[in-house]
């Protein structure tokens, strides 16, 4: 055990290191805060091009897979491109400085102001796309930003910053607007950054999220994912299977929005399983399921040796040799229970899909409820149905912030070109997921709003206006 006396010099050194980064960031941000909307948007475009440049994108994707060992290059290229392009679409024309709204009837004028210096803690699963998203949102609103990357993702984030600094130089913006902690990133450095910044944004492990919320700095942290999707008896099984499989295997399921469980109505169970197999899924026997469980959840916790790996690698780690499994795109296990005694009911961050059979929609709802009672509460769920009442029940009763209808979940949940959600890699889960926000992280989370308040004609109600009906009803 390291005694407090041993850590004091480390903490002091970390504080000094971060203090200097913050000083430089504040100096740059003080200049940047005076930029016009046109100039802000040019800097945003520059930062976007730093990762969207096809040559940069490929290099970042290759480096990310090489150094983190997570996901695959082709899908990371798609993710870097699509997430950044979608974000830039969302930001195009959005007003983020000066007057953003006027309400003459209320006498209120709203003015967008920067939050200052943002600390962004980013995960190893998306070491290019997530920091780029945070950087662009922060810059859109006139802020500076300092990254705290994961150790495995450090090299990718460092290269991204090289590209961004070159673009900032091109447009004449201060390079210190975008910085990162020095290597190696320690817990002490990250903690100090969160303490000294003006806003903390955390995407990744729940330990990091909790650290962000306890830092004493206003924080935006996300909840754990564990997406469950219902396929009811009115669903188009072929359509559902194609979308679920496309989403499930994307980037080896690095996304927190990747489907982890599919709950299938008994009437279409066999047809849906067959459709999933046709799309590349392979169903394990009970013995194979037990073997995989030992490898995936040693001591009851998800093994990093399995996380975001291809099926062939997972099979090698688990000792599964059946050709149908090794050559599959996704492994499927049948399950009946939820909770700690049923680890396949939790988040798997790998191309492994849990399958449940439901007697009817009520039973499917109860299974989903059990899954979220165990893990993933607040995040999101999905459904394939033609019954609007089923959609409405999930939206009104399931404790999730997003109900994704007939869409590939990992692709739709963080914003898509064919839905209206903001493009983001960070999904708020509301109080259900112990988060301070419930929407997709977006540029409006990176601004303060000052309100000019003027007098208006008085609107004071009478007691009769407020209490008349109530008093009459109860004979008061």
Protein backbone atom coordinates (compact mmCIF):
# COMPACT_ATOMS: atom_id res chain seq x y z
CA UNK A 1 0.00 0.00 0.00
CA UNK A 2 1.25 3.49 -0.82
CA UNK A 3 1.08 5.76 2.24
CA UNK A 4 -0.26 9.33 2.00
CA UNK A 5 3.19 10.76 2.64
CA UNK A 6 4.41 8.97 -0.49
CA UNK A 7 1.65 10.36 -2.71
CA UNK A 8 1.91 13.98 -1.57
CA UNK A 9 4.78 14.88 -3.94
CA UNK A 10 2.92 13.18 -6.79
CA UNK A 11 -0.24 15.12 -6.08
CA UNK A 12 1.70 18.36 -5.78
CA UNK A 13 3.47 17.70 -9.06
CA UNK A 14 0.20 16.77 -10.74
CA UNK A 15 -1.43 19.96 -9.47
CA UNK A 16 1.41 22.07 -10.82
CA UNK A 17 1.36 20.31 -14.19
CA UNK A 18 -2.37 20.77 -14.59
CA UNK A 19 -2.22 24.36 -13.31
CA UNK A 20 0.12 25.24 -16.17
CA UNK A 21 -2.11 23.58 -18.76
CA UNK A 22 -5.10 25.44 -17.36
CA UNK A 23 -3.20 28.73 -17.42
CA UNK A 24 -2.36 28.31 -21.08
CA UNK A 25 -5.91 27.20 -21.87
CA UNK A 26 -7.40 30.24 -20.12
CA UNK A 27 -5.09 32.62 -21.96
CA UNK A 28 -6.09 31.10 -25.30
CA UNK A 29 -9.77 30.97 -24.38
CA UNK A 30 -9.77 34.63 -23.33
CA UNK A 31 -8.83 35.55 -26.90
CA UNK A 32 -11.12 32.95 -28.45
CA UNK A 33 -14.16 34.07 -26.46
CA UNK A 34 -14.18 37.29 -28.51
CA UNK A 35 -14.49 35.46 -31.84
CA UNK A 36 -17.52 36.12 -33.99
CA UNK A 37 -19.89 33.30 -34.90
CA UNK A 38 -18.32 33.14 -38.34
CA UNK A 39 -14.85 32.76 -36.88
CA UNK A 40 -16.01 30.15 -34.35
CA UNK A 41 -17.59 28.14 -37.15
CA UNK A 42 -14.40 28.29 -39.19
CA UNK A 43 -12.44 26.86 -36.26
CA UNK A 44 -15.08 24.13 -35.83
CA UNK A 45 -14.76 23.26 -39.52
CA UNK A 46 -10.97 23.17 -39.17
CA UNK A 47 -11.16 20.80 -36.19
CA UNK A 48 -13.63 18.63 -38.09
CA UNK A 49 -11.36 18.39 -41.10
CA UNK A 50 -8.48 17.30 -38.87
CA UNK A 51 -10.22 13.93 -38.40
CA UNK A 52 -12.38 13.87 -41.55
CA UNK A 53 -9.39 14.15 -43.87
CA UNK A 54 -9.46 10.57 -45.28
CA UNK A 55 -5.72 10.10 -44.82
CA UNK A 56 -5.88 11.27 -41.20
CA UNK A 57 -8.96 9.18 -40.52
CA UNK A 58 -7.35 5.96 -41.70
CA UNK A 59 -4.13 6.62 -39.79
CA UNK A 60 -6.05 7.34 -36.60
CA UNK A 61 -8.19 4.22 -37.00
CA UNK A 62 -5.17 2.01 -37.63
CA UNK A 63 -3.32 3.45 -34.65
CA UNK A 64 -6.35 3.06 -32.39
CA UNK A 65 -6.77 -0.63 -33.20
CA UNK A 66 -3.02 -1.31 -33.00
CA UNK A 67 -2.55 0.32 -29.60
CA UNK A 68 -5.85 -0.44 -27.86
CA UNK A 69 -6.48 -3.87 -29.39
CA UNK A 70 -10.17 -2.94 -29.56
CA UNK A 71 -12.51 -2.92 -32.54
CA UNK A 72 -11.48 -3.02 -36.18
CA UNK A 73 -10.02 -0.51 -38.59
CA UNK A 74 -12.74 -0.47 -41.25
CA UNK A 75 -15.52 0.30 -38.76
CA UNK A 76 -13.47 2.89 -36.89
CA UNK A 77 -12.94 4.72 -40.19
CA UNK A 78 -16.71 4.70 -40.72
CA UNK A 79 -17.33 5.83 -37.14
CA UNK A 80 -14.79 8.67 -37.28
CA UNK A 81 -16.26 9.87 -40.57
CA UNK A 82 -19.93 9.44 -39.82
CA UNK A 83 -19.95 10.78 -36.27
CA UNK A 84 -17.93 13.84 -37.21
CA UNK A 85 -19.87 14.57 -40.39
CA UNK A 86 -23.17 14.22 -38.53
CA UNK A 87 -21.98 16.51 -35.74
CA UNK A 88 -20.87 19.15 -38.23
CA UNK A 89 -24.31 18.90 -39.87
CA UNK A 90 -25.95 19.49 -36.49
CA UNK A 91 -23.73 22.51 -35.81
CA UNK A 92 -24.09 24.13 -39.22
CA UNK A 93 -26.06 27.33 -38.74
CA UNK A 94 -26.45 26.81 -34.98
CA UNK A 95 -25.98 30.04 -33.02
CA UNK A 96 -23.54 29.56 -30.13
CA UNK A 97 -22.39 33.09 -29.28
CA UNK A 98 -24.24 36.33 -28.72
CA UNK A 99 -28.03 36.48 -28.75
CA UNK A 100 -29.53 33.02 -29.22
CA UNK A 101 -33.18 33.76 -28.33
CA UNK A 102 -35.52 36.65 -27.58
CA UNK A 103 -38.91 36.42 -25.85
CA UNK A 104 -40.53 39.88 -26.05
CA UNK A 105 -43.66 38.72 -24.22
CA UNK A 106 -41.48 37.68 -21.27
CA UNK A 107 -38.99 40.53 -21.56
CA UNK A 108 -36.12 38.05 -21.77
CA UNK A 109 -33.12 37.96 -24.10
CA UNK A 110 -30.80 34.93 -23.97
CA UNK A 111 -27.09 35.29 -24.70
CA UNK A 112 -24.73 32.34 -25.21
CA UNK A 113 -21.49 32.51 -23.22
CA UNK A 114 -18.57 30.04 -22.99
CA UNK A 115 -18.18 27.79 -19.96
CA UNK A 116 -14.39 28.30 -19.99
CA UNK A 117 -12.01 25.34 -19.88
CA UNK A 118 -13.49 21.87 -20.41
CA UNK A 119 -11.88 18.70 -19.04
CA UNK A 120 -12.79 15.73 -21.23
CA UNK A 121 -12.12 12.20 -20.00
CA UNK A 122 -12.29 9.90 -23.03
CA UNK A 123 -12.33 6.09 -23.36
CA UNK A 124 -10.05 3.62 -25.10
CA UNK A 125 -13.01 2.22 -27.08
CA UNK A 126 -13.27 5.37 -29.22
CA UNK A 127 -9.95 7.25 -28.82
CA UNK A 128 -10.47 9.24 -32.03
CA UNK A 129 -14.18 9.84 -32.51
CA UNK A 130 -15.08 10.69 -28.89
CA UNK A 131 -12.37 13.33 -28.27
CA UNK A 132 -13.05 14.84 -31.70
CA UNK A 133 -16.73 15.12 -30.80
CA UNK A 134 -15.93 16.79 -27.47
CA UNK A 135 -13.37 19.13 -29.02
CA UNK A 136 -15.72 20.28 -31.76
CA UNK A 137 -18.61 20.89 -29.34
CA UNK A 138 -16.34 22.80 -26.96
CA UNK A 139 -14.86 24.96 -29.72
CA UNK A 140 -18.31 25.69 -31.14
CA UNK A 141 -19.19 27.53 -27.94
CA UNK A 142 -15.94 29.48 -27.51
CA UNK A 143 -14.24 27.20 -24.99
CA UNK A 144 -10.82 25.67 -24.53
CA UNK A 145 -10.56 21.94 -23.83
CA UNK A 146 -8.01 19.60 -22.23
CA UNK A 147 -8.21 15.84 -22.81
CA UNK A 148 -7.55 13.08 -20.33
CA UNK A 149 -7.21 10.03 -22.60
CA UNK A 150 -7.04 6.42 -21.52
CA UNK A 151 -3.52 4.95 -21.43
CA UNK A 152 -4.21 2.66 -24.39
CA UNK A 153 -5.81 5.45 -26.39
CA UNK A 154 -3.14 8.05 -25.63
CA UNK A 155 -1.27 7.69 -28.91
CA UNK A 156 -4.44 8.11 -30.96
CA UNK A 157 -5.54 11.21 -29.06
CA UNK A 158 -2.02 12.66 -29.32
CA UNK A 159 -2.00 12.23 -33.09
CA UNK A 160 -5.49 13.71 -33.33
CA UNK A 161 -4.23 16.79 -31.49
CA UNK A 162 -1.30 17.09 -33.90
CA UNK A 163 -3.76 17.18 -36.77
CA UNK A 164 -6.02 19.67 -34.96
CA UNK A 165 -3.14 21.98 -34.07
CA UNK A 166 -2.08 22.08 -37.73
CA UNK A 167 -5.61 23.11 -38.69
CA UNK A 168 -5.80 25.69 -35.90
CA UNK A 169 -2.58 27.18 -37.19
CA UNK A 170 -4.06 27.27 -40.70
CA UNK A 171 -7.00 29.42 -39.52
CA UNK A 172 -4.97 31.49 -37.06
CA UNK A 173 -6.54 30.18 -33.85
CA UNK A 174 -4.54 29.70 -30.61
CA UNK A 175 -3.20 26.13 -30.42
CA UNK A 176 -3.60 26.06 -26.64
CA UNK A 177 -7.36 25.91 -27.14
CA UNK A 178 -6.91 22.15 -27.43
CA UNK A 179 -4.48 20.34 -25.13
CA UNK A 180 -4.08 17.01 -23.38
CA UNK A 181 -2.49 15.68 -20.23
CA UNK A 182 1.15 14.60 -20.59
CA UNK A 183 2.16 10.96 -20.84
CA UNK A 184 1.76 8.90 -18.76
CA UNK A 185 -1.76 9.91 -17.75
CA UNK A 186 -2.10 9.11 -14.06
CA UNK A 187 -5.11 9.07 -11.78
CA UNK A 188 -3.60 12.06 -9.96
CA UNK A 189 -3.31 14.09 -13.18
CA UNK A 190 -6.84 13.26 -14.26
CA UNK A 191 -8.23 14.09 -10.81
CA UNK A 192 -6.44 17.43 -10.77
CA UNK A 193 -7.68 18.27 -14.24
CA UNK A 194 -11.26 17.62 -13.20
CA UNK A 195 -10.80 19.76 -10.08
CA UNK A 196 -9.27 22.73 -11.88
CA UNK A 197 -11.40 22.87 -15.02
CA UNK A 198 -14.73 24.70 -15.35
CA UNK A 199 -16.70 21.76 -16.74
CA UNK A 200 -16.02 18.02 -16.73
CA UNK A 201 -17.26 15.71 -19.48
CA UNK A 202 -16.71 11.99 -18.88
CA UNK A 203 -17.35 9.16 -21.31
CA UNK A 204 -16.24 5.67 -20.32
CA UNK A 205 -16.09 3.60 -17.16
CA UNK A 206 -18.48 4.23 -14.30
CA UNK A 207 -15.47 4.70 -12.00
CA UNK A 208 -14.41 7.68 -14.13
CA UNK A 209 -17.96 8.99 -14.28
CA UNK A 210 -18.30 8.85 -10.49
CA UNK A 211 -14.90 10.57 -10.14
CA UNK A 212 -16.16 13.34 -12.42
CA UNK A 213 -19.30 13.85 -10.38
CA UNK A 214 -17.31 13.90 -7.11
CA UNK A 215 -14.62 16.26 -8.40
CA UNK A 216 -16.36 19.38 -7.13
CA UNK A 217 -16.60 20.70 -10.70
CA UNK A 218 -19.87 20.73 -12.67
CA UNK A 219 -19.85 17.42 -14.56
CA UNK A 220 -21.59 15.67 -17.41
CA UNK A 221 -21.12 11.93 -17.10
CA UNK A 222 -22.86 9.06 -18.86
CA UNK A 223 -24.43 5.87 -17.54
CA UNK A 224 -23.65 2.25 -18.29
CA UNK A 225 -25.08 0.72 -21.43
CA UNK A 226 -26.78 -2.66 -21.67
CA UNK A 227 -29.23 -2.33 -24.54
CA UNK A 228 -32.14 -4.76 -24.74
CA UNK A 229 -34.40 -4.94 -27.80
CA UNK A 230 -37.86 -6.48 -28.07
CA UNK A 231 -39.01 -8.24 -31.25
CA UNK A 232 -42.76 -8.74 -30.97
CA UNK A 233 -45.08 -10.94 -32.99
CA UNK A 234 -45.86 -8.17 -35.50
CA UNK A 235 -42.22 -7.56 -36.43
CA UNK A 236 -40.57 -8.15 -39.79
CA UNK A 237 -37.99 -10.69 -38.62
CA UNK A 238 -35.73 -10.39 -41.65
CA UNK A 239 -35.57 -6.61 -41.27
CA UNK A 240 -35.02 -6.83 -37.52
CA UNK A 241 -32.29 -9.47 -37.80
CA UNK A 242 -30.40 -7.54 -40.45
CA UNK A 243 -30.40 -4.33 -38.43
CA UNK A 244 -29.59 -6.01 -35.11
CA UNK A 245 -26.67 -7.93 -36.57
CA UNK A 246 -25.32 -4.90 -38.44
CA UNK A 247 -25.36 -2.93 -35.22
CA UNK A 248 -24.18 -5.72 -32.93
CA UNK A 249 -20.99 -6.51 -34.81
CA UNK A 250 -20.05 -2.91 -35.71
CA UNK A 251 -16.52 -2.21 -34.47
CA UNK A 252 -16.69 -5.46 -32.51
CA UNK A 253 -19.42 -3.96 -30.29
CA UNK A 254 -17.30 -1.21 -28.73
CA UNK A 255 -20.37 1.03 -28.55
CA UNK A 256 -22.37 1.34 -25.32
CA UNK A 257 -25.40 1.42 -27.65
CA UNK A 258 -24.73 -2.02 -29.10
CA UNK A 259 -27.53 -4.54 -28.55
CA UNK A 260 -26.73 -6.91 -25.69
CA UNK A 261 -30.01 -8.82 -25.48
CA UNK A 262 -32.87 -9.49 -27.86
CA UNK A 263 -36.22 -10.51 -26.36
CA UNK A 264 -38.32 -12.39 -28.91
CA UNK A 265 -42.05 -13.12 -28.83
CA UNK A 266 -42.65 -16.88 -28.77
CA UNK A 267 -44.76 -16.76 -31.95
CA UNK A 268 -41.81 -15.52 -34.02
CA UNK A 269 -38.98 -16.99 -31.93
CA UNK A 270 -37.93 -19.71 -34.36
CA UNK A 271 -38.27 -17.44 -37.38
CA UNK A 272 -36.22 -14.70 -35.70
CA UNK A 273 -33.49 -17.10 -34.62
CA UNK A 274 -33.30 -18.43 -38.17
CA UNK A 275 -33.07 -14.87 -39.50
CA UNK A 276 -30.25 -14.05 -37.07
CA UNK A 277 -28.37 -17.19 -38.13
CA UNK A 278 -28.83 -16.19 -41.76
CA UNK A 279 -27.25 -12.83 -40.92
CA UNK A 280 -24.18 -14.51 -39.42
CA UNK A 281 -25.17 -15.46 -35.89
CA UNK A 282 -24.34 -18.82 -34.37
CA UNK A 283 -26.28 -20.30 -31.44
CA UNK A 284 -24.23 -22.01 -28.74
CA UNK A 285 -25.22 -25.25 -27.05
CA UNK A 286 -25.67 -25.29 -23.28
CA UNK A 287 -22.21 -26.78 -22.84
CA UNK A 288 -20.64 -24.19 -25.14
CA UNK A 289 -22.49 -21.43 -23.29
CA UNK A 290 -21.00 -22.63 -19.99
CA UNK A 291 -17.54 -22.69 -21.52
CA UNK A 292 -17.93 -19.18 -22.91
CA UNK A 293 -19.28 -17.89 -19.60
CA UNK A 294 -16.18 -19.09 -17.74
CA UNK A 295 -13.94 -17.27 -20.22
CA UNK A 296 -16.02 -14.10 -20.48
CA UNK A 297 -16.85 -13.57 -16.82
CA UNK A 298 -14.03 -14.85 -14.61
CA UNK A 299 -14.94 -13.94 -11.05
CA UNK A 300 -18.24 -12.59 -12.34
CA UNK A 301 -16.65 -9.65 -14.17
CA UNK A 302 -16.32 -9.11 -17.92
CA UNK A 303 -12.84 -10.11 -19.10
CA UNK A 304 -10.80 -7.51 -21.01
CA UNK A 305 -9.49 -10.40 -23.10
CA UNK A 306 -12.97 -10.64 -24.64
CA UNK A 307 -13.88 -6.95 -24.88
CA UNK A 308 -14.28 -5.65 -28.45
CA UNK A 309 -12.67 -8.72 -29.98
CA UNK A 310 -13.67 -10.55 -33.15
CA UNK A 311 -15.58 -13.82 -32.77
CA UNK A 312 -12.58 -15.88 -33.88
CA UNK A 313 -10.49 -14.35 -31.09
CA UNK A 314 -13.24 -14.89 -28.50
CA UNK A 315 -13.50 -18.53 -29.51
CA UNK A 316 -9.73 -18.94 -29.20
CA UNK A 317 -9.73 -17.42 -25.70
CA UNK A 318 -12.68 -19.56 -24.62
CA UNK A 319 -11.49 -22.75 -26.28
CA UNK A 320 -14.52 -23.04 -28.57
CA UNK A 321 -13.58 -24.90 -31.73
CA UNK A 322 -16.80 -25.72 -33.57
CA UNK A 323 -16.36 -24.27 -37.09
CA UNK A 324 -19.86 -22.78 -37.12
CA UNK A 325 -18.85 -20.68 -34.10
CA UNK A 326 -15.34 -19.73 -35.15
CA UNK A 327 -16.54 -18.55 -38.55
CA UNK A 328 -19.62 -16.70 -37.28
CA UNK A 329 -20.04 -12.93 -37.12
CA UNK A 330 -21.76 -13.10 -33.74
CA UNK A 331 -22.18 -15.67 -30.98
CA UNK A 332 -25.68 -16.13 -29.52
CA UNK A 333 -26.62 -17.64 -26.16
CA UNK A 334 -30.12 -18.44 -24.93
CA UNK A 335 -30.96 -17.15 -21.47
CA UNK A 336 -33.94 -17.24 -19.11
CA UNK A 337 -32.91 -15.17 -16.08
CA UNK A 338 -31.47 -11.75 -15.29
CA UNK A 339 -29.11 -10.41 -12.66
CA UNK A 340 -25.72 -11.31 -11.23
CA UNK A 341 -26.40 -15.05 -11.40
CA UNK A 342 -26.98 -14.64 -15.14
CA UNK A 343 -23.96 -12.65 -16.39
CA UNK A 344 -25.08 -12.88 -20.02
CA UNK A 345 -27.93 -10.54 -19.05
CA UNK A 346 -25.36 -7.76 -18.61
CA UNK A 347 -23.29 -5.61 -20.96
CA UNK A 348 -20.82 -7.65 -22.97
CA UNK A 349 -18.97 -5.12 -25.19
CA UNK A 350 -18.35 -7.90 -27.68
CA UNK A 351 -20.14 -9.63 -30.57
CA UNK A 352 -22.05 -11.88 -28.17
CA UNK A 353 -25.84 -11.57 -28.15
CA UNK A 354 -28.17 -12.92 -25.46
CA UNK A 355 -31.51 -14.27 -26.65
CA UNK A 356 -34.70 -14.51 -24.56
CA UNK A 357 -38.03 -16.13 -25.43
CA UNK A 358 -41.10 -14.19 -24.22
CA UNK A 359 -44.61 -15.63 -23.96
CA UNK A 360 -46.18 -12.30 -24.88
CA UNK A 361 -45.43 -8.58 -24.73
CA UNK A 362 -46.09 -8.38 -20.99
CA UNK A 363 -43.52 -11.10 -20.43
CA UNK A 364 -41.07 -9.35 -22.77
CA UNK A 365 -41.55 -6.13 -20.81
CA UNK A 366 -40.86 -7.96 -17.54
CA UNK A 367 -37.67 -9.51 -18.94
CA UNK A 368 -36.48 -6.09 -20.10
CA UNK A 369 -37.30 -4.65 -16.70
CA UNK A 370 -35.19 -7.35 -15.07
CA UNK A 371 -32.27 -6.63 -17.39
CA UNK A 372 -32.27 -2.93 -16.54
CA UNK A 373 -32.72 -3.59 -12.84
CA UNK A 374 -29.40 -5.40 -13.16
CA UNK A 375 -27.52 -3.08 -15.53
CA UNK A 376 -28.05 -0.27 -18.02
CA UNK A 377 -30.94 1.54 -16.33
CA UNK A 378 -31.66 4.89 -17.98
CA UNK A 379 -29.69 4.32 -21.18
CA UNK A 380 -31.93 3.14 -24.01
CA UNK A 381 -33.93 0.25 -25.38
CA UNK A 382 -35.22 -0.80 -28.78
CA UNK A 383 -38.26 -2.42 -30.30
CA UNK A 384 -39.36 -3.96 -33.60
CA UNK A 385 -43.14 -3.81 -33.79
CA UNK A 386 -46.11 -2.54 -35.75
CA UNK A 387 -48.08 -2.02 -32.54
CA UNK A 388 -47.91 1.63 -31.44
CA UNK A 389 -49.20 0.74 -27.97
CA UNK A 390 -46.07 -1.33 -27.36
CA UNK A 391 -43.85 1.61 -28.27
CA UNK A 392 -45.85 3.92 -26.03
CA UNK A 393 -45.67 1.52 -23.10
CA UNK A 394 -41.89 1.39 -23.28
CA UNK A 395 -41.71 5.18 -23.52
CA UNK A 396 -44.04 5.75 -20.58
CA UNK A 397 -43.03 2.92 -18.26
CA UNK A 398 -39.50 1.69 -19.02
CA UNK A 399 -36.82 3.74 -17.25
CA UNK A 400 -34.84 4.67 -20.36
CA UNK A 401 -34.07 7.99 -22.03
CA UNK A 402 -34.39 6.71 -25.61
CA UNK A 403 -36.71 4.16 -27.25
CA UNK A 404 -35.27 3.28 -30.65
CA UNK A 405 -37.95 2.00 -33.03
CA UNK A 406 -37.03 -0.42 -35.84
CA UNK A 407 -33.46 0.87 -36.22
CA UNK A 408 -29.94 -0.52 -35.87
CA UNK A 409 -29.45 0.56 -32.28
CA UNK A 410 -25.73 1.38 -32.10
CA UNK A 411 -26.02 3.43 -35.27
CA UNK A 412 -29.29 5.22 -34.43
CA UNK A 413 -28.86 5.90 -30.72
CA UNK A 414 -25.99 8.36 -31.08
CA UNK A 415 -27.72 10.28 -33.88
CA UNK A 416 -28.33 9.20 -37.44
CA UNK A 417 -28.95 10.87 -40.77
CA UNK A 418 -32.45 9.40 -40.73
CA UNK A 419 -33.50 10.35 -37.18
CA UNK A 420 -33.52 13.57 -35.20
CA UNK A 421 -31.20 12.73 -32.32
CA UNK A 422 -28.04 14.86 -32.05
CA UNK A 423 -24.91 13.08 -33.26
CA UNK A 424 -22.96 12.12 -30.16
CA UNK A 425 -20.85 9.39 -28.61
CA UNK A 426 -22.03 10.22 -25.09
CA UNK A 427 -25.58 9.42 -24.04
CA UNK A 428 -27.01 10.88 -20.86
CA UNK A 429 -29.10 8.43 -18.84
CA UNK A 430 -30.94 10.80 -16.51
CA UNK A 431 -31.42 10.12 -12.83
CA UNK A 432 -32.16 6.46 -13.63
CA UNK A 433 -28.52 6.09 -14.70
CA UNK A 434 -27.36 8.55 -11.99
CA UNK A 435 -26.57 11.22 -14.58
CA UNK A 436 -27.23 14.95 -14.55
CA UNK A 437 -28.71 14.99 -18.07
CA UNK A 438 -30.92 12.72 -20.15
CA UNK A 439 -30.26 13.67 -23.76
CA UNK A 440 -27.40 13.06 -26.18
CA UNK A 441 -24.41 15.22 -25.25
CA UNK A 442 -24.44 18.19 -27.63
CA UNK A 443 -23.09 21.70 -28.07
CA UNK A 444 -25.72 23.30 -25.83
CA UNK A 445 -24.17 21.46 -22.88
CA UNK A 446 -20.96 23.42 -23.52
CA UNK A 447 -22.41 26.91 -23.05
CA UNK A 448 -23.64 29.15 -20.28
CA UNK A 449 -26.67 31.32 -20.97
CA UNK A 450 -26.94 34.85 -19.65
CA UNK A 451 -30.45 36.32 -19.58
CA UNK A 452 -31.29 40.00 -19.88
CA UNK A 453 -34.53 40.49 -17.99
CA UNK A 454 -36.73 43.57 -18.65
CA UNK A 455 -40.04 44.56 -17.15
CA UNK A 456 -43.29 43.50 -18.78
CA UNK A 457 -46.92 44.34 -18.01
CA UNK A 458 -47.76 42.68 -14.66
CA UNK A 459 -49.30 39.20 -14.86
CA UNK A 460 -50.32 38.68 -11.23
CA UNK A 461 -53.26 36.26 -10.90
CA UNK A 462 -56.06 36.62 -8.37
CA UNK A 463 -56.64 34.04 -5.68
CA UNK A 464 -59.81 33.08 -7.54
CA UNK A 465 -57.76 32.37 -10.70
CA UNK A 466 -55.58 29.88 -8.81
CA UNK A 467 -57.85 28.45 -6.13
CA UNK A 468 -61.39 29.03 -7.43
CA UNK A 469 -62.00 25.62 -8.97
CA UNK A 470 -60.22 23.83 -6.13
CA UNK A 471 -62.23 25.62 -3.42
CA UNK A 472 -65.47 25.06 -5.27
CA UNK A 473 -64.78 21.33 -5.73
CA UNK A 474 -63.96 20.75 -2.06
CA UNK A 475 -66.45 23.29 -0.65
CA UNK A 476 -63.72 25.38 0.98
